[in-house]
């Protein structure tokens, strides 16, 4: 029997006034184990930014997953970015992936 799981994406915020990042529509995802899930956020900024993904289990602190352009310790997690959005892809989804997922941005000083 396939188990269902729920992935919920919520938003992190930028650190500079005028920068923002928010989840795209359909922030609650339902999936079956072994499927692929994609979570995405749109952002706007006039600065160069790093984009991060975090996961948080109930009653636990958020866990860093990866930054765009960096490798995850778990190859099932990959992230891509464009000029206005970032997407987290989780392949071979497992029940243990059920959590809150945060996208966040940080302006890079130049």
PDB file of N, CA and C in Angstrom:
ATOM      1  N   UNK A   1       0.836  -1.164   0.000  1.00  0.00           N
ATOM      2  CA  UNK A   1       0.000   0.000   0.000  1.00  0.00           C
ATOM      3  C   UNK A   1       0.894   1.244   0.000  1.00  0.00           C
ATOM      4  N   UNK A   2       0.599   2.193  -0.885  1.00  0.00           N
ATOM      5  CA  UNK A   2       1.354   3.448  -0.935  1.00  0.00           C
ATOM      6  C   UNK A   2       0.928   4.360   0.193  1.00  0.00           C
ATOM      7  N   UNK A   3       1.886   4.964   0.844  1.00  0.00           N
ATOM      8  CA  UNK A   3       1.597   5.937   1.891  1.00  0.00           C
ATOM      9  C   UNK A   3       1.541   7.328   1.271  1.00  0.00           C
ATOM     10  N   UNK A   4       0.671   8.141   1.778  1.00  0.00           N
ATOM     11  CA  UNK A   4       0.621   9.526   1.346  1.00  0.00           C
ATOM     12  C   UNK A   4       1.386  10.380   2.335  1.00  0.00           C
ATOM     13  N   UNK A   5       1.950  11.456   1.858  1.00  0.00           N
ATOM     14  CA  UNK A   5       2.613  12.375   2.753  1.00  0.00           C
ATOM     15  C   UNK A   5       2.292  13.791   2.329  1.00  0.00           C
ATOM     16  N   UNK A   6       2.505  14.707   3.230  1.00  0.00           N
ATOM     17  CA  UNK A   6       2.219  16.104   2.958  1.00  0.00           C
ATOM     18  C   UNK A   6       3.498  16.904   3.131  1.00  0.00           C
ATOM     19  N   UNK A   7       3.807  17.697   2.142  1.00  0.00           N
ATOM     20  CA  UNK A   7       4.924  18.625   2.219  1.00  0.00           C
ATOM     21  C   UNK A   7       4.321  20.020   2.216  1.00  0.00           C
ATOM     22  N   UNK A   8       4.695  20.841   3.158  1.00  0.00           N
ATOM     23  CA  UNK A   8       4.153  22.185   3.227  1.00  0.00           C
ATOM     24  C   UNK A   8       5.292  23.172   3.074  1.00  0.00           C
ATOM     25  N   UNK A   9       5.122  24.120   2.187  1.00  0.00           N
ATOM     26  CA  UNK A   9       6.130  25.137   1.950  1.00  0.00           C
ATOM     27  C   UNK A   9       5.668  26.441   2.567  1.00  0.00           C
ATOM     28  N   UNK A  10       6.518  27.042   3.418  1.00  0.00           N
ATOM     29  CA  UNK A  10       6.203  28.371   3.915  1.00  0.00           C
ATOM     30  C   UNK A  10       7.375  29.285   3.615  1.00  0.00           C
ATOM     31  N   UNK A  11       7.182  30.538   3.853  1.00  0.00           N
ATOM     32  CA  UNK A  11       8.105  31.528   3.315  1.00  0.00           C
ATOM     33  C   UNK A  11       9.134  32.018   4.323  1.00  0.00           C
ATOM     34  N   UNK A  12      10.319  32.257   3.836  1.00  0.00           N
ATOM     35  CA  UNK A  12      11.322  33.013   4.574  1.00  0.00           C
ATOM     36  C   UNK A  12      11.355  34.410   3.980  1.00  0.00           C
ATOM     37  N   UNK A  13      11.995  35.339   4.620  1.00  0.00           N
ATOM     38  CA  UNK A  13      12.009  36.706   4.108  1.00  0.00           C
ATOM     39  C   UNK A  13      13.419  37.174   3.817  1.00  0.00           C
ATOM     40  N   UNK A  14      13.505  38.203   3.019  1.00  0.00           N
ATOM     41  CA  UNK A  14      14.786  38.825   2.711  1.00  0.00           C
ATOM     42  C   UNK A  14      15.251  39.665   3.886  1.00  0.00           C
ATOM     43  N   UNK A  15      16.491  40.071   3.843  1.00  0.00           N
ATOM     44  CA  UNK A  15      17.068  40.835   4.945  1.00  0.00           C
ATOM     45  C   UNK A  15      17.123  42.330   4.665  1.00  0.00           C
ATOM     46  N   UNK A  16      16.726  42.759   3.471  1.00  0.00           N
ATOM     47  CA  UNK A  16      16.792  44.164   3.104  1.00  0.00           C
ATOM     48  C   UNK A  16      15.406  44.638   2.695  1.00  0.00           C
ATOM     49  N   UNK A  17      15.022  45.823   3.143  1.00  0.00           N
ATOM     50  CA  UNK A  17      13.729  46.372   2.771  1.00  0.00           C
ATOM     51  C   UNK A  17      13.619  46.435   1.255  1.00  0.00           C
ATOM     52  N   UNK A  18      12.493  45.977   0.725  1.00  0.00           N
ATOM     53  CA  UNK A  18      12.288  45.974  -0.716  1.00  0.00           C
ATOM     54  C   UNK A  18      12.534  44.625  -1.349  1.00  0.00           C
ATOM     55  N   UNK A  19      13.288  43.759  -0.692  1.00  0.00           N
ATOM     56  CA  UNK A  19      13.494  42.396  -1.185  1.00  0.00           C
ATOM     57  C   UNK A  19      12.388  41.531  -0.625  1.00  0.00           C
ATOM     58  N   UNK A  20      11.875  40.622  -1.424  1.00  0.00           N
ATOM     59  CA  UNK A  20      10.898  39.687  -0.873  1.00  0.00           C
ATOM     60  C   UNK A  20      10.993  38.348  -1.576  1.00  0.00           C
ATOM     61  N   UNK A  21      10.482  37.344  -0.885  1.00  0.00           N
ATOM     62  CA  UNK A  21      10.440  35.986  -1.417  1.00  0.00           C
ATOM     63  C   UNK A  21       9.172  35.353  -0.881  1.00  0.00           C
ATOM     64  N   UNK A  22       8.454  34.653  -1.740  1.00  0.00           N
ATOM     65  CA  UNK A  22       7.196  34.042  -1.309  1.00  0.00           C
ATOM     66  C   UNK A  22       6.957  32.743  -2.072  1.00  0.00           C
ATOM     67  N   UNK A  23       6.234  31.810  -1.446  1.00  0.00           N
ATOM     68  CA  UNK A  23       5.963  30.536  -2.116  1.00  0.00           C
ATOM     69  C   UNK A  23       5.009  30.737  -3.278  1.00  0.00           C
ATOM     70  N   UNK A  24       5.166  29.939  -4.322  1.00  0.00           N
ATOM     71  CA  UNK A  24       4.227  29.972  -5.433  1.00  0.00           C
ATOM     72  C   UNK A  24       2.939  29.285  -5.021  1.00  0.00           C
ATOM     73  N   UNK A  25       1.905  29.470  -5.800  1.00  0.00           N
ATOM     74  CA  UNK A  25       0.600  28.883  -5.473  1.00  0.00           C
ATOM     75  C   UNK A  25       0.706  27.373  -5.350  1.00  0.00           C
ATOM     76  N   UNK A  26      -0.187  26.802  -4.559  1.00  0.00           N
ATOM     77  CA  UNK A  26      -0.145  25.367  -4.332  1.00  0.00           C
ATOM     78  C   UNK A  26       0.936  25.007  -3.349  1.00  0.00           C
ATOM     79  N   UNK A  27       0.988  25.739  -2.229  1.00  0.00           N
ATOM     80  CA  UNK A  27       2.082  25.545  -1.285  1.00  0.00           C
ATOM     81  C   UNK A  27       1.983  24.250  -0.502  1.00  0.00           C
ATOM     82  N   UNK A  28       0.842  23.610  -0.491  1.00  0.00           N
ATOM     83  CA  UNK A  28       0.728  22.323   0.184  1.00  0.00           C
ATOM     84  C   UNK A  28       0.768  21.237  -0.871  1.00  0.00           C
ATOM     85  N   UNK A  29       1.681  20.327  -0.709  1.00  0.00           N
ATOM     86  CA  UNK A  29       1.875  19.261  -1.698  1.00  0.00           C
ATOM     87  C   UNK A  29       1.564  17.910  -1.080  1.00  0.00           C
ATOM     88  N   UNK A  30       0.816  17.101  -1.803  1.00  0.00           N
ATOM     89  CA  UNK A  30       0.559  15.717  -1.410  1.00  0.00           C
ATOM     90  C   UNK A  30       1.246  14.826  -2.431  1.00  0.00           C
ATOM     91  N   UNK A  31       1.874  13.785  -1.945  1.00  0.00           N
ATOM     92  CA  UNK A  31       2.611  12.909  -2.837  1.00  0.00           C
ATOM     93  C   UNK A  31       2.645  11.499  -2.264  1.00  0.00           C
ATOM     94  N   UNK A  32       2.984  10.568  -3.117  1.00  0.00           N
ATOM     95  CA  UNK A  32       3.198   9.189  -2.679  1.00  0.00           C
ATOM     96  C   UNK A  32       4.694   8.932  -2.651  1.00  0.00           C
ATOM     97  N   UNK A  33       5.089   7.999  -1.827  1.00  0.00           N
ATOM     98  CA  UNK A  33       6.497   7.641  -1.753  1.00  0.00           C
ATOM     99  C   UNK A  33       7.017   7.252  -3.134  1.00  0.00           C
ATOM    100  N   UNK A  34       8.256   7.555  -3.375  1.00  0.00           N
ATOM    101  CA  UNK A  34       9.023   7.320  -4.601  1.00  0.00           C
ATOM    102  C   UNK A  34       8.726   8.330  -5.710  1.00  0.00           C
ATOM    103  N   UNK A  35       7.721   9.188  -5.551  1.00  0.00           N
ATOM    104  CA  UNK A  35       7.450  10.202  -6.555  1.00  0.00           C
ATOM    105  C   UNK A  35       8.452  11.354  -6.427  1.00  0.00           C
ATOM    106  N   UNK A  36       8.366  12.291  -7.356  1.00  0.00           N
ATOM    107  CA  UNK A  36       9.178  13.505  -7.322  1.00  0.00           C
ATOM    108  C   UNK A  36       8.278  14.682  -6.979  1.00  0.00           C
ATOM    109  N   UNK A  37       8.750  15.537  -6.077  1.00  0.00           N
ATOM    110  CA  UNK A  37       7.996  16.712  -5.650  1.00  0.00           C
ATOM    111  C   UNK A  37       8.822  17.950  -5.963  1.00  0.00           C
ATOM    112  N   UNK A  38       8.154  18.991  -6.466  1.00  0.00           N
ATOM    113  CA  UNK A  38       8.824  20.267  -6.743  1.00  0.00           C
ATOM    114  C   UNK A  38       8.143  21.361  -5.946  1.00  0.00           C
ATOM    115  N   UNK A  39       8.951  22.116  -5.204  1.00  0.00           N
ATOM    116  CA  UNK A  39       8.480  23.257  -4.429  1.00  0.00           C
ATOM    117  C   UNK A  39       9.146  24.491  -5.011  1.00  0.00           C
ATOM    118  N   UNK A  40       8.401  25.585  -5.118  1.00  0.00           N
ATOM    119  CA  UNK A  40       9.005  26.767  -5.719  1.00  0.00           C
ATOM    120  C   UNK A  40       8.606  28.039  -4.994  1.00  0.00           C
ATOM    121  N   UNK A  41       9.496  29.013  -5.075  1.00  0.00           N
ATOM    122  CA  UNK A  41       9.288  30.346  -4.520  1.00  0.00           C
ATOM    123  C   UNK A  41       9.667  31.361  -5.579  1.00  0.00           C
ATOM    124  N   UNK A  42       8.933  32.474  -5.589  1.00  0.00           N
ATOM    125  CA  UNK A  42       9.289  33.604  -6.447  1.00  0.00           C
ATOM    126  C   UNK A  42       9.883  34.688  -5.572  1.00  0.00           C
ATOM    127  N   UNK A  43      10.817  35.441  -6.135  1.00  0.00           N
ATOM    128  CA  UNK A  43      11.442  36.513  -5.361  1.00  0.00           C
ATOM    129  C   UNK A  43      11.674  37.713  -6.250  1.00  0.00           C
ATOM    130  N   UNK A  44      11.827  38.860  -5.608  1.00  0.00           N
ATOM    131  CA  UNK A  44      12.177  40.077  -6.334  1.00  0.00           C
ATOM    132  C   UNK A  44      13.194  40.845  -5.511  1.00  0.00           C
ATOM    133  N   UNK A  45      14.209  41.290  -6.187  1.00  0.00           N
ATOM    134  CA  UNK A  45      15.266  42.061  -5.550  1.00  0.00           C
ATOM    135  C   UNK A  45      16.071  42.760  -6.630  1.00  0.00           C
ATOM    136  N   UNK A  46      16.708  43.827  -6.265  1.00  0.00           N
ATOM    137  CA  UNK A  46      17.583  44.518  -7.203  1.00  0.00           C
ATOM    138  C   UNK A  46      19.045  44.178  -6.911  1.00  0.00           C
ATOM    139  N   UNK A  47      19.261  43.308  -5.954  1.00  0.00           N
ATOM    140  CA  UNK A  47      20.602  42.925  -5.523  1.00  0.00           C
ATOM    141  C   UNK A  47      20.904  41.486  -5.927  1.00  0.00           C
ATOM    142  N   UNK A  48      22.175  41.111  -5.838  1.00  0.00           N
ATOM    143  CA  UNK A  48      22.554  39.709  -6.031  1.00  0.00           C
ATOM    144  C   UNK A  48      22.256  38.975  -4.724  1.00  0.00           C
ATOM    145  N   UNK A  49      21.617  37.815  -4.822  1.00  0.00           N
ATOM    146  CA  UNK A  49      21.210  37.093  -3.610  1.00  0.00           C
ATOM    147  C   UNK A  49      21.643  35.638  -3.652  1.00  0.00           C
ATOM    148  N   UNK A  50      21.813  35.067  -2.462  1.00  0.00           N
ATOM    149  CA  UNK A  50      21.905  33.623  -2.297  1.00  0.00           C
ATOM    150  C   UNK A  50      20.521  33.148  -1.903  1.00  0.00           C
ATOM    151  N   UNK A  51      20.120  32.000  -2.441  1.00  0.00           N
ATOM    152  CA  UNK A  51      18.807  31.417  -2.126  1.00  0.00           C
ATOM    153  C   UNK A  51      19.030  30.111  -1.378  1.00  0.00           C
ATOM    154  N   UNK A  52      18.309  29.948  -0.296  1.00  0.00           N
ATOM    155  CA  UNK A  52      18.486  28.806   0.599  1.00  0.00           C
ATOM    156  C   UNK A  52      17.188  28.035   0.754  1.00  0.00           C
ATOM    157  N   UNK A  53      17.325  26.754   1.053  1.00  0.00           N
ATOM    158  CA  UNK A  53      16.192  25.896   1.405  1.00  0.00           C
ATOM    159  C   UNK A  53      16.459  25.254   2.762  1.00  0.00           C
ATOM    160  N   UNK A  54      15.420  25.241   3.595  1.00  0.00           N
ATOM    161  CA  UNK A  54      15.474  24.641   4.932  1.00  0.00           C
ATOM    162  C   UNK A  54      14.276  23.711   5.096  1.00  0.00           C
ATOM    163  N   UNK A  55      14.427  22.764   5.997  1.00  0.00           N
ATOM    164  CA  UNK A  55      13.330  21.840   6.347  1.00  0.00           C
ATOM    165  C   UNK A  55      13.161  21.890   7.859  1.00  0.00           C
ATOM    166  N   UNK A  56      11.890  21.854   8.296  1.00  0.00           N
ATOM    167  CA  UNK A  56      11.629  21.855   9.736  1.00  0.00           C
ATOM    168  C   UNK A  56      10.593  20.795  10.079  1.00  0.00           C
ATOM    169  N   UNK A  57      10.988  19.911  10.991  1.00  0.00           N
ATOM    170  CA  UNK A  57      10.070  18.909  11.523  1.00  0.00           C
ATOM    171  C   UNK A  57       9.345  19.504  12.724  1.00  0.00           C
ATOM    172  N   UNK A  58       8.163  18.979  13.063  1.00  0.00           N
ATOM    173  CA  UNK A  58       7.415  19.515  14.211  1.00  0.00           C
ATOM    174  C   UNK A  58       8.257  19.541  15.487  1.00  0.00           C
ATOM    175  N   UNK A  59       8.173  20.646  16.195  1.00  0.00           N
ATOM    176  CA  UNK A  59       8.865  20.842  17.473  1.00  0.00           C
ATOM    177  C   UNK A  59      10.388  20.752  17.375  1.00  0.00           C
ATOM    178  N   UNK A  60      10.932  21.010  16.194  1.00  0.00           N
ATOM    179  CA  UNK A  60      12.389  20.990  15.975  1.00  0.00           C
ATOM    180  C   UNK A  60      12.802  22.306  15.326  1.00  0.00           C
ATOM    181  N   UNK A  61      14.112  22.597  15.387  1.00  0.00           N
ATOM    182  CA  UNK A  61      14.614  23.792  14.722  1.00  0.00           C
ATOM    183  C   UNK A  61      14.760  23.504  13.222  1.00  0.00           C
ATOM    184  N   UNK A  62      14.713  24.561  12.388  1.00  0.00           N
ATOM    185  CA  UNK A  62      14.909  24.352  10.947  1.00  0.00           C
ATOM    186  C   UNK A  62      16.283  23.761  10.653  1.00  0.00           C
ATOM    187  N   UNK A  63      16.333  22.906   9.644  1.00  0.00           N
ATOM    188  CA  UNK A  63      17.586  22.277   9.207  1.00  0.00           C
ATOM    189  C   UNK A  63      17.948  22.812   7.824  1.00  0.00           C
ATOM    190  N   UNK A  64      19.182  23.243   7.676  1.00  0.00           N
ATOM    191  CA  UNK A  64      19.668  23.690   6.374  1.00  0.00           C
ATOM    192  C   UNK A  64      19.676  22.509   5.406  1.00  0.00           C
ATOM    193  N   UNK A  65      19.128  22.697   4.201  1.00  0.00           N
ATOM    194  CA  UNK A  65      19.186  21.667   3.165  1.00  0.00           C
ATOM    195  C   UNK A  65      20.247  22.000   2.129  1.00  0.00           C
ATOM    196  N   UNK A  66      20.113  23.167   1.484  1.00  0.00           N
ATOM    197  CA  UNK A  66      21.104  23.548   0.499  1.00  0.00           C
ATOM    198  C   UNK A  66      20.918  24.987   0.044  1.00  0.00           C
ATOM    199  N   UNK A  67      21.963  25.500  -0.579  1.00  0.00           N
ATOM    200  CA  UNK A  67      21.946  26.814  -1.203  1.00  0.00           C
ATOM    201  C   UNK A  67      22.061  26.599  -2.700  1.00  0.00           C
ATOM    202  N   UNK A  68      21.437  27.468  -3.470  1.00  0.00           N
ATOM    203  CA  UNK A  68      21.554  27.334  -4.923  1.00  0.00           C
ATOM    204  C   UNK A  68      23.011  27.320  -5.328  1.00  0.00           C
ATOM    205  N   UNK A  69      23.352  26.366  -6.165  1.00  0.00           N
ATOM    206  CA  UNK A  69      24.718  26.235  -6.635  1.00  0.00           C
ATOM    207  C   UNK A  69      25.583  25.350  -5.758  1.00  0.00           C
ATOM    208  N   UNK A  70      25.071  24.964  -4.588  1.00  0.00           N
ATOM    209  CA  UNK A  70      25.837  24.096  -3.684  1.00  0.00           C
ATOM    210  C   UNK A  70      25.234  22.692  -3.716  1.00  0.00           C
ATOM    211  N   UNK A  71      26.052  21.712  -3.389  1.00  0.00           N
ATOM    212  CA  UNK A  71      25.573  20.326  -3.354  1.00  0.00           C
ATOM    213  C   UNK A  71      24.953  20.026  -1.999  1.00  0.00           C
ATOM    214  N   UNK A  72      23.888  19.250  -2.030  1.00  0.00           N
ATOM    215  CA  UNK A  72      23.246  18.793  -0.808  1.00  0.00           C
ATOM    216  C   UNK A  72      23.964  17.538  -0.326  1.00  0.00           C
ATOM    217  N   UNK A  73      23.881  17.280   0.977  1.00  0.00           N
ATOM    218  CA  UNK A  73      24.445  16.033   1.505  1.00  0.00           C
ATOM    219  C   UNK A  73      23.577  14.847   1.104  1.00  0.00           C
ATOM    220  N   UNK A  74      22.360  15.114   0.674  1.00  0.00           N
ATOM    221  CA  UNK A  74      21.447  14.073   0.189  1.00  0.00           C
ATOM    222  C   UNK A  74      21.162  14.375  -1.283  1.00  0.00           C
ATOM    223  N   UNK A  75      21.617  13.515  -2.182  1.00  0.00           N
ATOM    224  CA  UNK A  75      21.479  13.750  -3.628  1.00  0.00           C
ATOM    225  C   UNK A  75      20.033  13.800  -4.105  1.00  0.00           C
ATOM    226  N   UNK A  76      19.088  13.445  -3.258  1.00  0.00           N
ATOM    227  CA  UNK A  76      17.679  13.521  -3.657  1.00  0.00           C
ATOM    228  C   UNK A  76      17.181  14.962  -3.707  1.00  0.00           C
ATOM    229  N   UNK A  77      17.914  15.881  -3.079  1.00  0.00           N
ATOM    230  CA  UNK A  77      17.527  17.289  -3.037  1.00  0.00           C
ATOM    231  C   UNK A  77      18.374  18.088  -4.013  1.00  0.00           C
ATOM    232  N   UNK A  78      17.712  18.786  -4.926  1.00  0.00           N
ATOM    233  CA  UNK A  78      18.407  19.649  -5.877  1.00  0.00           C
ATOM    234  C   UNK A  78      17.638  20.950  -5.998  1.00  0.00           C
ATOM    235  N   UNK A  79      18.362  22.017  -6.242  1.00  0.00           N
ATOM    236  CA  UNK A  79      17.727  23.316  -6.365  1.00  0.00           C
ATOM    237  C   UNK A  79      18.214  24.026  -7.614  1.00  0.00           C
ATOM    238  N   UNK A  80      17.297  24.708  -8.266  1.00  0.00           N
ATOM    239  CA  UNK A  80      17.627  25.533  -9.416  1.00  0.00           C
ATOM    240  C   UNK A  80      17.085  26.927  -9.163  1.00  0.00           C
ATOM    241  N   UNK A  81      17.625  27.896  -9.897  1.00  0.00           N
ATOM    242  CA  UNK A  81      17.106  29.254  -9.763  1.00  0.00           C
ATOM    243  C   UNK A  81      17.113  29.955 -11.103  1.00  0.00           C
ATOM    244  N   UNK A  82      16.212  30.925 -11.211  1.00  0.00           N
ATOM    245  CA  UNK A  82      16.183  31.818 -12.362  1.00  0.00           C
ATOM    246  C   UNK A  82      16.318  33.233 -11.813  1.00  0.00           C
ATOM    247  N   UNK A  83      16.093  34.218 -12.641  1.00  0.00           N
ATOM    248  CA  UNK A  83      16.180  35.610 -12.187  1.00  0.00           C
ATOM    249  C   UNK A  83      15.071  35.965 -11.202  1.00  0.00           C
ATOM    250  N   UNK A  84      13.970  35.173 -11.183  1.00  0.00           N
ATOM    251  CA  UNK A  84      12.820  35.534 -10.344  1.00  0.00           C
ATOM    252  C   UNK A  84      12.272  34.401  -9.483  1.00  0.00           C
ATOM    253  N   UNK A  85      12.860  33.212  -9.570  1.00  0.00           N
ATOM    254  CA  UNK A  85      12.308  32.103  -8.787  1.00  0.00           C
ATOM    255  C   UNK A  85      13.382  31.081  -8.437  1.00  0.00           C
ATOM    256  N   UNK A  86      13.057  30.258  -7.453  1.00  0.00           N
ATOM    257  CA  UNK A  86      13.903  29.135  -7.067  1.00  0.00           C
ATOM    258  C   UNK A  86      13.007  27.913  -6.909  1.00  0.00           C
ATOM    259  N   UNK A  87      13.536  26.750  -7.244  1.00  0.00           N
ATOM    260  CA  UNK A  87      12.753  25.522  -7.164  1.00  0.00           C
ATOM    261  C   UNK A  87      13.566  24.441  -6.466  1.00  0.00           C
ATOM    262  N   UNK A  88      12.930  23.779  -5.518  1.00  0.00           N
ATOM    263  CA  UNK A  88      13.525  22.637  -4.831  1.00  0.00           C
ATOM    264  C   UNK A  88      12.877  21.381  -5.377  1.00  0.00           C
ATOM    265  N   UNK A  89      13.679  20.452  -5.863  1.00  0.00           N
ATOM    266  CA  UNK A  89      13.184  19.172  -6.362  1.00  0.00           C
ATOM    267  C   UNK A  89      13.628  18.086  -5.395  1.00  0.00           C
ATOM    268  N   UNK A  90      12.652  17.310  -4.936  1.00  0.00           N
ATOM    269  CA  UNK A  90      12.932  16.168  -4.055  1.00  0.00           C
ATOM    270  C   UNK A  90      12.561  14.921  -4.837  1.00  0.00           C
ATOM    271  N   UNK A  91      13.551  14.111  -5.179  1.00  0.00           N
ATOM    272  CA  UNK A  91      13.283  12.871  -5.903  1.00  0.00           C
ATOM    273  C   UNK A  91      13.150  11.720  -4.913  1.00  0.00           C
ATOM    274  N   UNK A  92      12.470  10.685  -5.341  1.00  0.00           N
ATOM    275  CA  UNK A  92      12.300   9.491  -4.513  1.00  0.00           C
ATOM    276  C   UNK A  92      11.797   9.876  -3.115  1.00  0.00           C
ATOM    277  N   UNK A  93      10.695  10.612  -3.087  1.00  0.00           N
ATOM    278  CA  UNK A  93      10.144  11.127  -1.827  1.00  0.00           C
ATOM    279  C   UNK A  93       9.875   9.998  -0.846  1.00  0.00           C
ATOM    280  N   UNK A  94      10.177  10.292   0.420  1.00  0.00           N
ATOM    281  CA  UNK A  94       9.959   9.326   1.512  1.00  0.00           C
ATOM    282  C   UNK A  94       9.029   9.945   2.543  1.00  0.00           C
ATOM    283  N   UNK A  95       8.424   9.105   3.339  1.00  0.00           N
ATOM    284  CA  UNK A  95       7.549   9.593   4.396  1.00  0.00           C
ATOM    285  C   UNK A  95       8.309  10.527   5.326  1.00  0.00           C
ATOM    286  N   UNK A  96       9.588  10.264   5.547  1.00  0.00           N
ATOM    287  CA  UNK A  96      10.402  11.108   6.424  1.00  0.00           C
ATOM    288  C   UNK A  96      10.647  12.502   5.848  1.00  0.00           C
ATOM    289  N   UNK A  97      10.263  12.747   4.597  1.00  0.00           N
ATOM    290  CA  UNK A  97      10.389  14.073   4.000  1.00  0.00           C
ATOM    291  C   UNK A  97       9.217  14.983   4.370  1.00  0.00           C
ATOM    292  N   UNK A  98       8.210  14.446   5.043  1.00  0.00           N
ATOM    293  CA  UNK A  98       7.064  15.257   5.461  1.00  0.00           C
ATOM    294  C   UNK A  98       7.528  16.295   6.470  1.00  0.00           C
ATOM    295  N   UNK A  99       7.396  17.565   6.123  1.00  0.00           N
ATOM    296  CA  UNK A  99       7.913  18.641   6.965  1.00  0.00           C
ATOM    297  C   UNK A  99       7.473  19.975   6.390  1.00  0.00           C
ATOM    298  N   UNK A 100       7.830  21.047   7.087  1.00  0.00           N
ATOM    299  CA  UNK A 100       7.701  22.396   6.557  1.00  0.00           C
ATOM    300  C   UNK A 100       8.982  22.707   5.809  1.00  0.00           C
ATOM    301  N   UNK A 101       8.873  23.282   4.632  1.00  0.00           N
ATOM    302  CA  UNK A 101      10.040  23.667   3.846  1.00  0.00           C
ATOM    303  C   UNK A 101      10.047  25.178   3.692  1.00  0.00           C
ATOM    304  N   UNK A 102      11.209  25.787   3.984  1.00  0.00           N
ATOM    305  CA  UNK A 102      11.364  27.229   3.898  1.00  0.00           C
ATOM    306  C   UNK A 102      12.288  27.588   2.735  1.00  0.00           C
ATOM    307  N   UNK A 103      11.908  28.604   2.010  1.00  0.00           N
ATOM    308  CA  UNK A 103      12.842  29.215   1.072  1.00  0.00           C
ATOM    309  C   UNK A 103      13.217  30.570   1.653  1.00  0.00           C
ATOM    310  N   UNK A 104      14.467  30.936   1.504  1.00  0.00           N
ATOM    311  CA  UNK A 104      14.939  32.196   2.071  1.00  0.00           C
ATOM    312  C   UNK A 104      15.986  32.795   1.148  1.00  0.00           C
ATOM    313  N   UNK A 105      16.120  34.112   1.228  1.00  0.00           N
ATOM    314  CA  UNK A 105      17.159  34.758   0.447  1.00  0.00           C
ATOM    315  C   UNK A 105      18.027  35.614   1.346  1.00  0.00           C
ATOM    316  N   UNK A 106      19.258  35.797   0.915  1.00  0.00           N
ATOM    317  CA  UNK A 106      20.199  36.671   1.623  1.00  0.00           C
ATOM    318  C   UNK A 106      20.912  37.517   0.587  1.00  0.00           C
ATOM    319  N   UNK A 107      20.860  38.806   0.769  1.00  0.00           N
ATOM    320  CA  UNK A 107      21.545  39.720  -0.130  1.00  0.00           C
ATOM    321  C   UNK A 107      23.050  39.603   0.087  1.00  0.00           C
ATOM    322  N   UNK A 108      23.790  39.490  -1.007  1.00  0.00           N
ATOM    323  CA  UNK A 108      25.240  39.359  -0.949  1.00  0.00           C
ATOM    324  C   UNK A 108      25.850  40.754  -1.108  1.00  0.00           C
ATOM    325  N   UNK A 109      26.661  41.138  -0.156  1.00  0.00           N
ATOM    326  CA  UNK A 109      27.340  42.437  -0.225  1.00  0.00           C
ATOM    327  C   UNK A 109      28.344  42.413  -1.366  1.00  0.00           C
ATOM    328  N   UNK A 110      28.340  43.462  -2.144  1.00  0.00           N
ATOM    329  CA  UNK A 110      29.265  43.503  -3.283  1.00  0.00           C
ATOM    330  C   UNK A 110      30.189  44.676  -3.186  1.00  0.00           C
TER     331      UNK A 110
END
